[in-house]
Amino acid sequence: MSADKGQPQNPVNPDAPEKKTLSNAIYFKIMGYLLTAGWVGFILAITGGDTKHPMFDYIFVVPLAGWILGMIIARVIQKKTGADRP
């Protein structure tokens, strides 16, 4: 199923290099990092950095649960599509 070695990859301009794109997994990881940083910043803003505030208990629990849920969803998608990586 691999491309024939004699065939150019880009039929319009055979001399053009192949365009490299990031996988969907990279985009989801970046989104996870941004959401985690946003959540931590949100909690720090509403608690004023006070560790005794009741909302401060969720500063790490919510992002951890999000990452675990994201890994489970990625595993389900991987098995459903049969792809190596989601």
PDB file of N, CA and C in Angstrom:
ATOM      1  N   MET A   1       0.803  -1.177   0.000  1.00  0.00           N
ATOM      2  CA  MET A   1       0.000   0.000   0.000  1.00  0.00           C
ATOM      3  C   MET A   1       0.855   1.254   0.000  1.00  0.00           C
ATOM      4  N   SER A   2       2.151   1.116   0.034  1.00  0.00           N
ATOM      5  CA  SER A   2       2.995   2.297   0.013  1.00  0.00           C
ATOM      6  C   SER A   2       3.065   2.861  -1.397  1.00  0.00           C
ATOM      7  N   ALA A   3       3.392   4.133  -1.464  1.00  0.00           N
ATOM      8  CA  ALA A   3       3.478   4.806  -2.756  1.00  0.00           C
ATOM      9  C   ALA A   3       4.654   4.235  -3.539  1.00  0.00           C
ATOM     10  N   ASP A   4       4.496   4.232  -4.847  1.00  0.00           N
ATOM     11  CA  ASP A   4       5.547   3.747  -5.723  1.00  0.00           C
ATOM     12  C   ASP A   4       6.730   4.710  -5.647  1.00  0.00           C
ATOM     13  N   LYS A   5       7.958   4.191  -5.560  1.00  0.00           N
ATOM     14  CA  LYS A   5       9.142   5.029  -5.391  1.00  0.00           C
ATOM     15  C   LYS A   5       9.356   5.957  -6.586  1.00  0.00           C
ATOM     16  N   GLY A   6       8.932   5.551  -7.782  1.00  0.00           N
ATOM     17  CA  GLY A   6       9.121   6.360  -8.975  1.00  0.00           C
ATOM     18  C   GLY A   6       8.110   7.472  -9.110  1.00  0.00           C
ATOM     19  N   GLN A   7       7.014   7.415  -8.389  1.00  0.00           N
ATOM     20  CA  GLN A   7       5.952   8.411  -8.481  1.00  0.00           C
ATOM     21  C   GLN A   7       6.284   9.609  -7.599  1.00  0.00           C
ATOM     22  N   PRO A   8       6.105  10.837  -8.115  1.00  0.00           N
ATOM     23  CA  PRO A   8       6.300  12.007  -7.254  1.00  0.00           C
ATOM     24  C   PRO A   8       5.165  12.110  -6.238  1.00  0.00           C
ATOM     25  N   GLN A   9       5.467  12.611  -5.058  1.00  0.00           N
ATOM     26  CA  GLN A   9       4.469  12.732  -4.004  1.00  0.00           C
ATOM     27  C   GLN A   9       3.455  13.827  -4.310  1.00  0.00           C
ATOM     28  N   ASN A  10       3.889  14.910  -4.932  1.00  0.00           N
ATOM     29  CA  ASN A  10       3.010  16.020  -5.269  1.00  0.00           C
ATOM     30  C   ASN A  10       2.853  16.052  -6.787  1.00  0.00           C
ATOM     31  N   PRO A  11       1.704  15.621  -7.321  1.00  0.00           N
ATOM     32  CA  PRO A  11       1.562  15.543  -8.767  1.00  0.00           C
ATOM     33  C   PRO A  11       1.532  16.913  -9.439  1.00  0.00           C
ATOM     34  N   VAL A  12       1.146  17.981  -8.734  1.00  0.00           N
ATOM     35  CA  VAL A  12       1.093  19.311  -9.336  1.00  0.00           C
ATOM     36  C   VAL A  12       2.500  19.876  -9.486  1.00  0.00           C
ATOM     37  N   ASN A  13       3.303  19.785  -8.442  1.00  0.00           N
ATOM     38  CA  ASN A  13       4.669  20.290  -8.474  1.00  0.00           C
ATOM     39  C   ASN A  13       5.573  19.227  -7.873  1.00  0.00           C
ATOM     40  N   PRO A  14       6.162  18.365  -8.706  1.00  0.00           N
ATOM     41  CA  PRO A  14       6.953  17.255  -8.167  1.00  0.00           C
ATOM     42  C   PRO A  14       8.206  17.685  -7.417  1.00  0.00           C
ATOM     43  N   ASP A  15       8.685  18.911  -7.637  1.00  0.00           N
ATOM     44  CA  ASP A  15       9.893  19.373  -6.956  1.00  0.00           C
ATOM     45  C   ASP A  15       9.604  19.952  -5.574  1.00  0.00           C
ATOM     46  N   ALA A  16       8.331  20.183  -5.257  1.00  0.00           N
ATOM     47  CA  ALA A  16       7.970  20.758  -3.961  1.00  0.00           C
ATOM     48  C   ALA A  16       8.145  19.723  -2.859  1.00  0.00           C
ATOM     49  N   PRO A  17       8.670  20.151  -1.710  1.00  0.00           N
ATOM     50  CA  PRO A  17       8.821  19.198  -0.594  1.00  0.00           C
ATOM     51  C   PRO A  17       7.450  18.825  -0.027  1.00  0.00           C
ATOM     52  N   GLU A  18       7.394  17.662   0.627  1.00  0.00           N
ATOM     53  CA  GLU A  18       6.148  17.230   1.250  1.00  0.00           C
ATOM     54  C   GLU A  18       5.797  18.165   2.394  1.00  0.00           C
ATOM     55  N   LYS A  19       4.523  18.508   2.501  1.00  0.00           N
ATOM     56  CA  LYS A  19       4.065  19.373   3.574  1.00  0.00           C
ATOM     57  C   LYS A  19       3.866  18.534   4.830  1.00  0.00           C
ATOM     58  N   LYS A  20       4.540  18.904   5.904  1.00  0.00           N
ATOM     59  CA  LYS A  20       4.429  18.165   7.158  1.00  0.00           C
ATOM     60  C   LYS A  20       3.396  18.857   8.040  1.00  0.00           C
ATOM     61  N   THR A  21       2.499  18.066   8.603  1.00  0.00           N
ATOM     62  CA  THR A  21       1.497  18.601   9.511  1.00  0.00           C
ATOM     63  C   THR A  21       1.575  17.866  10.840  1.00  0.00           C
ATOM     64  N   LEU A  22       1.059  18.510  11.862  1.00  0.00           N
ATOM     65  CA  LEU A  22       1.022  17.890  13.180  1.00  0.00           C
ATOM     66  C   LEU A  22      -0.147  16.922  13.254  1.00  0.00           C
ATOM     67  N   SER A  23       0.016  15.883  14.039  1.00  0.00           N
ATOM     68  CA  SER A  23      -1.070  14.927  14.211  1.00  0.00           C
ATOM     69  C   SER A  23      -2.132  15.512  15.131  1.00  0.00           C
ATOM     70  N   ASN A  24      -3.311  14.932  15.089  1.00  0.00           N
ATOM     71  CA  ASN A  24      -4.401  15.392  15.959  1.00  0.00           C
ATOM     72  C   ASN A  24      -4.026  15.243  17.422  1.00  0.00           C
ATOM     73  N   ALA A  25      -3.231  14.237  17.758  1.00  0.00           N
ATOM     74  CA  ALA A  25      -2.837  14.017  19.145  1.00  0.00           C
ATOM     75  C   ALA A  25      -2.066  15.223  19.687  1.00  0.00           C
ATOM     76  N   ILE A  26      -1.223  15.823  18.865  1.00  0.00           N
ATOM     77  CA  ILE A  26      -0.452  16.986  19.295  1.00  0.00           C
ATOM     78  C   ILE A  26      -1.389  18.158  19.590  1.00  0.00           C
ATOM     79  N   TYR A  27      -2.383  18.373  18.707  1.00  0.00           N
ATOM     80  CA  TYR A  27      -3.328  19.457  18.943  1.00  0.00           C
ATOM     81  C   TYR A  27      -4.115  19.247  20.237  1.00  0.00           C
ATOM     82  N   PHE A  28      -4.513  18.012  20.517  1.00  0.00           N
ATOM     83  CA  PHE A  28      -5.254  17.738  21.741  1.00  0.00           C
ATOM     84  C   PHE A  28      -4.378  17.916  22.977  1.00  0.00           C
ATOM     85  N   LYS A  29      -3.101  17.569  22.880  1.00  0.00           N
ATOM     86  CA  LYS A  29      -2.193  17.779  24.013  1.00  0.00           C
ATOM     87  C   LYS A  29      -2.008  19.265  24.281  1.00  0.00           C
ATOM     88  N   ILE A  30      -1.834  20.051  23.224  1.00  0.00           N
ATOM     89  CA  ILE A  30      -1.688  21.497  23.387  1.00  0.00           C
ATOM     90  C   ILE A  30      -2.946  22.082  24.022  1.00  0.00           C
ATOM     91  N   MET A  31      -4.118  21.618  23.553  1.00  0.00           N
ATOM     92  CA  MET A  31      -5.369  22.086  24.124  1.00  0.00           C
ATOM     93  C   MET A  31      -5.461  21.693  25.607  1.00  0.00           C
ATOM     94  N   GLY A  32      -5.010  20.497  25.956  1.00  0.00           N
ATOM     95  CA  GLY A  32      -5.007  20.059  27.349  1.00  0.00           C
ATOM     96  C   GLY A  32      -4.097  20.912  28.210  1.00  0.00           C
ATOM     97  N   TYR A  33      -2.921  21.250  27.688  1.00  0.00           N
ATOM     98  CA  TYR A  33      -2.004  22.114  28.435  1.00  0.00           C
ATOM     99  C   TYR A  33      -2.631  23.487  28.679  1.00  0.00           C
ATOM    100  N   LEU A  34      -3.252  24.046  27.631  1.00  0.00           N
ATOM    101  CA  LEU A  34      -3.855  25.369  27.772  1.00  0.00           C
ATOM    102  C   LEU A  34      -5.034  25.343  28.746  1.00  0.00           C
ATOM    103  N   LEU A  35      -5.872  24.309  28.670  1.00  0.00           N
ATOM    104  CA  LEU A  35      -6.991  24.202  29.603  1.00  0.00           C
ATOM    105  C   LEU A  35      -6.506  24.015  31.041  1.00  0.00           C
ATOM    106  N   THR A  36      -5.445  23.238  31.225  1.00  0.00           N
ATOM    107  CA  THR A  36      -4.886  23.041  32.562  1.00  0.00           C
ATOM    108  C   THR A  36      -4.351  24.356  33.121  1.00  0.00           C
ATOM    109  N   ALA A  37      -3.590  25.074  32.304  1.00  0.00           N
ATOM    110  CA  ALA A  37      -3.045  26.362  32.754  1.00  0.00           C
ATOM    111  C   ALA A  37      -4.175  27.347  33.032  1.00  0.00           C
ATOM    112  N   GLY A  38      -5.208  27.339  32.209  1.00  0.00           N
ATOM    113  CA  GLY A  38      -6.352  28.219  32.429  1.00  0.00           C
ATOM    114  C   GLY A  38      -7.080  27.899  33.721  1.00  0.00           C
ATOM    115  N   TRP A  39      -7.245  26.608  33.999  1.00  0.00           N
ATOM    116  CA  TRP A  39      -7.922  26.201  35.237  1.00  0.00           C
ATOM    117  C   TRP A  39      -7.111  26.620  36.463  1.00  0.00           C
ATOM    118  N   VAL A  40      -5.821  26.370  36.438  1.00  0.00           N
ATOM    119  CA  VAL A  40      -4.968  26.743  37.574  1.00  0.00           C
ATOM    120  C   VAL A  40      -5.001  28.258  37.771  1.00  0.00           C
ATOM    121  N   GLY A  41      -4.927  29.003  36.685  1.00  0.00           N
ATOM    122  CA  GLY A  41      -5.002  30.459  36.783  1.00  0.00           C
ATOM    123  C   GLY A  41      -6.343  30.927  37.317  1.00  0.00           C
ATOM    124  N   PHE A  42      -7.416  30.288  36.863  1.00  0.00           N
ATOM    125  CA  PHE A  42      -8.762  30.623  37.339  1.00  0.00           C
ATOM    126  C   PHE A  42      -8.885  30.385  38.839  1.00  0.00           C
ATOM    127  N   ILE A  43      -8.420  29.231  39.292  1.00  0.00           N
ATOM    128  CA  ILE A  43      -8.503  28.914  40.721  1.00  0.00           C
ATOM    129  C   ILE A  43      -7.648  29.892  41.538  1.00  0.00           C
ATOM    130  N   LEU A  44      -6.466  30.202  41.052  1.00  0.00           N
ATOM    131  CA  LEU A  44      -5.616  31.155  41.769  1.00  0.00           C
ATOM    132  C   LEU A  44      -6.266  32.533  41.819  1.00  0.00           C
ATOM    133  N   ALA A  45      -6.962  32.906  40.749  1.00  0.00           N
ATOM    134  CA  ALA A  45      -7.600  34.225  40.716  1.00  0.00           C
ATOM    135  C   ALA A  45      -8.780  34.306  41.677  1.00  0.00           C
ATOM    136  N   ILE A  46      -9.631  33.266  41.705  1.00  0.00           N
ATOM    137  CA  ILE A  46     -10.816  33.371  42.562  1.00  0.00           C
ATOM    138  C   ILE A  46     -10.500  33.124  44.038  1.00  0.00           C
ATOM    139  N   THR A  47      -9.418  32.390  44.309  1.00  0.00           N
ATOM    140  CA  THR A  47      -9.060  32.148  45.706  1.00  0.00           C
ATOM    141  C   THR A  47      -8.083  33.187  46.228  1.00  0.00           C
ATOM    142  N   GLY A  48      -7.489  33.944  45.342  1.00  0.00           N
ATOM    143  CA  GLY A  48      -6.491  34.925  45.762  1.00  0.00           C
ATOM    144  C   GLY A  48      -5.222  34.270  46.280  1.00  0.00           C
ATOM    145  N   GLY A  49      -5.002  33.024  45.896  1.00  0.00           N
ATOM    146  CA  GLY A  49      -3.819  32.305  46.349  1.00  0.00           C
ATOM    147  C   GLY A  49      -3.943  31.755  47.753  1.00  0.00           C
ATOM    148  N   ASP A  50      -5.129  31.852  48.327  1.00  0.00           N
ATOM    149  CA  ASP A  50      -5.366  31.357  49.685  1.00  0.00           C
ATOM    150  C   ASP A  50      -5.586  29.846  49.644  1.00  0.00           C
ATOM    151  N   THR A  51      -4.662  29.109  50.202  1.00  0.00           N
ATOM    152  CA  THR A  51      -4.758  27.644  50.151  1.00  0.00           C
ATOM    153  C   THR A  51      -5.839  27.093  51.078  1.00  0.00           C
ATOM    154  N   LYS A  52      -6.365  27.923  51.950  1.00  0.00           N
ATOM    155  CA  LYS A  52      -7.435  27.471  52.848  1.00  0.00           C
ATOM    156  C   LYS A  52      -8.824  27.627  52.221  1.00  0.00           C
ATOM    157  N   HIS A  53      -8.900  28.294  51.077  1.00  0.00           N
ATOM    158  CA  HIS A  53     -10.171  28.489  50.376  1.00  0.00           C
ATOM    159  C   HIS A  53     -10.680  27.128  49.888  1.00  0.00           C
ATOM    160  N   PRO A  54     -12.002  26.862  49.986  1.00  0.00           N
ATOM    161  CA  PRO A  54     -12.530  25.551  49.591  1.00  0.00           C
ATOM    162  C   PRO A  54     -12.305  25.207  48.112  1.00  0.00           C
ATOM    163  N   MET A  55     -12.290  26.198  47.236  1.00  0.00           N
ATOM    164  CA  MET A  55     -12.082  25.917  45.809  1.00  0.00           C
ATOM    165  C   MET A  55     -10.639  25.499  45.512  1.00  0.00           C
ATOM    166  N   PHE A  56      -9.719  25.843  46.395  1.00  0.00           N
ATOM    167  CA  PHE A  56      -8.312  25.506  46.155  1.00  0.00           C
ATOM    168  C   PHE A  56      -8.091  23.997  46.185  1.00  0.00           C
ATOM    169  N   ASP A  57      -9.018  23.258  46.796  1.00  0.00           N
ATOM    170  CA  ASP A  57      -8.914  21.792  46.825  1.00  0.00           C
ATOM    171  C   ASP A  57      -8.993  21.186  45.422  1.00  0.00           C
ATOM    172  N   TYR A  58      -9.592  21.905  44.489  1.00  0.00           N
ATOM    173  CA  TYR A  58      -9.816  21.378  43.138  1.00  0.00           C
ATOM    174  C   TYR A  58      -8.759  21.833  42.133  1.00  0.00           C
ATOM    175  N   ILE A  59      -7.707  22.481  42.586  1.00  0.00           N
ATOM    176  CA  ILE A  59      -6.720  23.035  41.660  1.00  0.00           C
ATOM    177  C   ILE A  59      -6.018  21.937  40.856  1.00  0.00           C
ATOM    178  N   PHE A  60      -5.788  20.771  41.454  1.00  0.00           N
ATOM    179  CA  PHE A  60      -5.112  19.695  40.742  1.00  0.00           C
ATOM    180  C   PHE A  60      -6.031  18.531  40.408  1.00  0.00           C
ATOM    181  N   VAL A  61      -7.115  18.383  41.154  1.00  0.00           N
ATOM    182  CA  VAL A  61      -8.022  17.246  40.951  1.00  0.00           C
ATOM    183  C   VAL A  61      -8.729  17.340  39.605  1.00  0.00           C
ATOM    184  N   VAL A  62      -9.232  18.521  39.258  1.00  0.00           N
ATOM    185  CA  VAL A  62      -9.984  18.686  38.009  1.00  0.00           C
ATOM    186  C   VAL A  62      -9.086  18.464  36.783  1.00  0.00           C
ATOM    187  N   PRO A  63      -7.892  19.076  36.695  1.00  0.00           N
ATOM    188  CA  PRO A  63      -7.044  18.795  35.544  1.00  0.00           C
ATOM    189  C   PRO A  63      -6.620  17.321  35.457  1.00  0.00           C
ATOM    190  N   LEU A  64      -6.343  16.708  36.602  1.00  0.00           N
ATOM    191  CA  LEU A  64      -5.963  15.295  36.589  1.00  0.00           C
ATOM    192  C   LEU A  64      -7.101  14.439  36.047  1.00  0.00           C
ATOM    193  N   ALA A  65      -8.309  14.711  36.504  1.00  0.00           N
ATOM    194  CA  ALA A  65      -9.467  13.973  35.999  1.00  0.00           C
ATOM    195  C   ALA A  65      -9.654  14.219  34.503  1.00  0.00           C
ATOM    196  N   GLY A  66      -9.421  15.441  34.057  1.00  0.00           N
ATOM    197  CA  GLY A  66      -9.535  15.760  32.628  1.00  0.00           C
ATOM    198  C   GLY A  66      -8.525  14.994  31.782  1.00  0.00           C
ATOM    199  N   TRP A  67      -7.288  14.921  32.248  1.00  0.00           N
ATOM    200  CA  TRP A  67      -6.259  14.192  31.505  1.00  0.00           C
ATOM    201  C   TRP A  67      -6.561  12.695  31.467  1.00  0.00           C
ATOM    202  N   ILE A  68      -7.021  12.141  32.588  1.00  0.00           N
ATOM    203  CA  ILE A  68      -7.355  10.717  32.618  1.00  0.00           C
ATOM    204  C   ILE A  68      -8.533  10.433  31.685  1.00  0.00           C
ATOM    205  N   LEU A  69      -9.555  11.284  31.732  1.00  0.00           N
ATOM    206  CA  LEU A  69     -10.703  11.123  30.845  1.00  0.00           C
ATOM    207  C   LEU A  69     -10.271  11.253  29.380  1.00  0.00           C
ATOM    208  N   GLY A  70      -9.399  12.194  29.095  1.00  0.00           N
ATOM    209  CA  GLY A  70      -8.892  12.363  27.731  1.00  0.00           C
ATOM    210  C   GLY A  70      -8.135  11.144  27.234  1.00  0.00           C
ATOM    211  N   MET A  71      -7.347  10.514  28.115  1.00  0.00           N
ATOM    212  CA  MET A  71      -6.612   9.307  27.718  1.00  0.00           C
ATOM    213  C   MET A  71      -7.566   8.148  27.463  1.00  0.00           C
ATOM    214  N   ILE A  72      -8.623   8.045  28.255  1.00  0.00           N
ATOM    215  CA  ILE A  72      -9.608   6.981  28.042  1.00  0.00           C
ATOM    216  C   ILE A  72     -10.335   7.191  26.718  1.00  0.00           C
ATOM    217  N   ILE A  73     -10.727   8.428  26.439  1.00  0.00           N
ATOM    218  CA  ILE A  73     -11.407   8.724  25.172  1.00  0.00           C
ATOM    219  C   ILE A  73     -10.483   8.450  23.993  1.00  0.00           C
ATOM    220  N   ALA A  74      -9.213   8.819  24.103  1.00  0.00           N
ATOM    221  CA  ALA A  74      -8.255   8.552  23.020  1.00  0.00           C
ATOM    222  C   ALA A  74      -8.100   7.053  22.785  1.00  0.00           C
ATOM    223  N   ARG A  75      -8.082   6.271  23.855  1.00  0.00           N
ATOM    224  CA  ARG A  75      -7.955   4.814  23.723  1.00  0.00           C
ATOM    225  C   ARG A  75      -9.185   4.225  23.017  1.00  0.00           C
ATOM    226  N   VAL A  76     -10.380   4.728  23.367  1.00  0.00           N
ATOM    227  CA  VAL A  76     -11.610   4.245  22.726  1.00  0.00           C
ATOM    228  C   VAL A  76     -11.611   4.602  21.245  1.00  0.00           C
ATOM    229  N   ILE A  77     -11.221   5.820  20.915  1.00  0.00           N
ATOM    230  CA  ILE A  77     -11.161   6.230  19.511  1.00  0.00           C
ATOM    231  C   ILE A  77     -10.133   5.401  18.764  1.00  0.00           C
ATOM    232  N   GLN A  78      -9.003   5.139  19.396  1.00  0.00           N
ATOM    233  CA  GLN A  78      -7.950   4.344  18.766  1.00  0.00           C
ATOM    234  C   GLN A  78      -8.448   2.945  18.444  1.00  0.00           C
ATOM    235  N   LYS A  79      -9.153   2.323  19.367  1.00  0.00           N
ATOM    236  CA  LYS A  79      -9.659   0.971  19.132  1.00  0.00           C
ATOM    237  C   LYS A  79     -10.786   0.966  18.108  1.00  0.00           C
ATOM    238  N   LYS A  80     -11.609   2.011  18.120  1.00  0.00           N
ATOM    239  CA  LYS A  80     -12.743   2.075  17.205  1.00  0.00           C
ATOM    240  C   LYS A  80     -12.290   2.277  15.764  1.00  0.00           C
ATOM    241  N   THR A  81     -11.301   3.146  15.553  1.00  0.00           N
ATOM    242  CA  THR A  81     -10.841   3.438  14.198  1.00  0.00           C
ATOM    243  C   THR A  81      -9.748   2.488  13.734  1.00  0.00           C
ATOM    244  N   GLY A  82      -9.089   1.839  14.653  1.00  0.00           N
ATOM    245  CA  GLY A  82      -8.003   0.926  14.286  1.00  0.00           C
ATOM    246  C   GLY A  82      -6.726   1.662  13.924  1.00  0.00           C
ATOM    247  N   ALA A  83      -6.657   2.948  14.228  1.00  0.00           N
ATOM    248  CA  ALA A  83      -5.472   3.732  13.914  1.00  0.00           C
ATOM    249  C   ALA A  83      -4.398   3.492  14.968  1.00  0.00           C
ATOM    250  N   ASP A  84      -3.138   3.778  14.572  1.00  0.00           N
ATOM    251  CA  ASP A  84      -2.041   3.662  15.513  1.00  0.00           C
ATOM    252  C   ASP A  84      -2.133   4.746  16.569  1.00  0.00           C
ATOM    253  N   ARG A  85      -2.489   5.957  16.125  1.00  0.00           N
ATOM    254  CA  ARG A  85      -2.601   7.094  17.036  1.00  0.00           C
ATOM    255  C   ARG A  85      -3.862   7.846  16.676  1.00  0.00           C
ATOM    256  N   PRO A  86      -4.572   8.400  17.668  1.00  0.00           N
ATOM    257  CA  PRO A  86      -5.778   9.166  17.373  1.00  0.00           C
ATOM    258  C   PRO A  86      -5.452  10.503  16.734  1.00  0.00           C
TER     259      PRO A  86
END
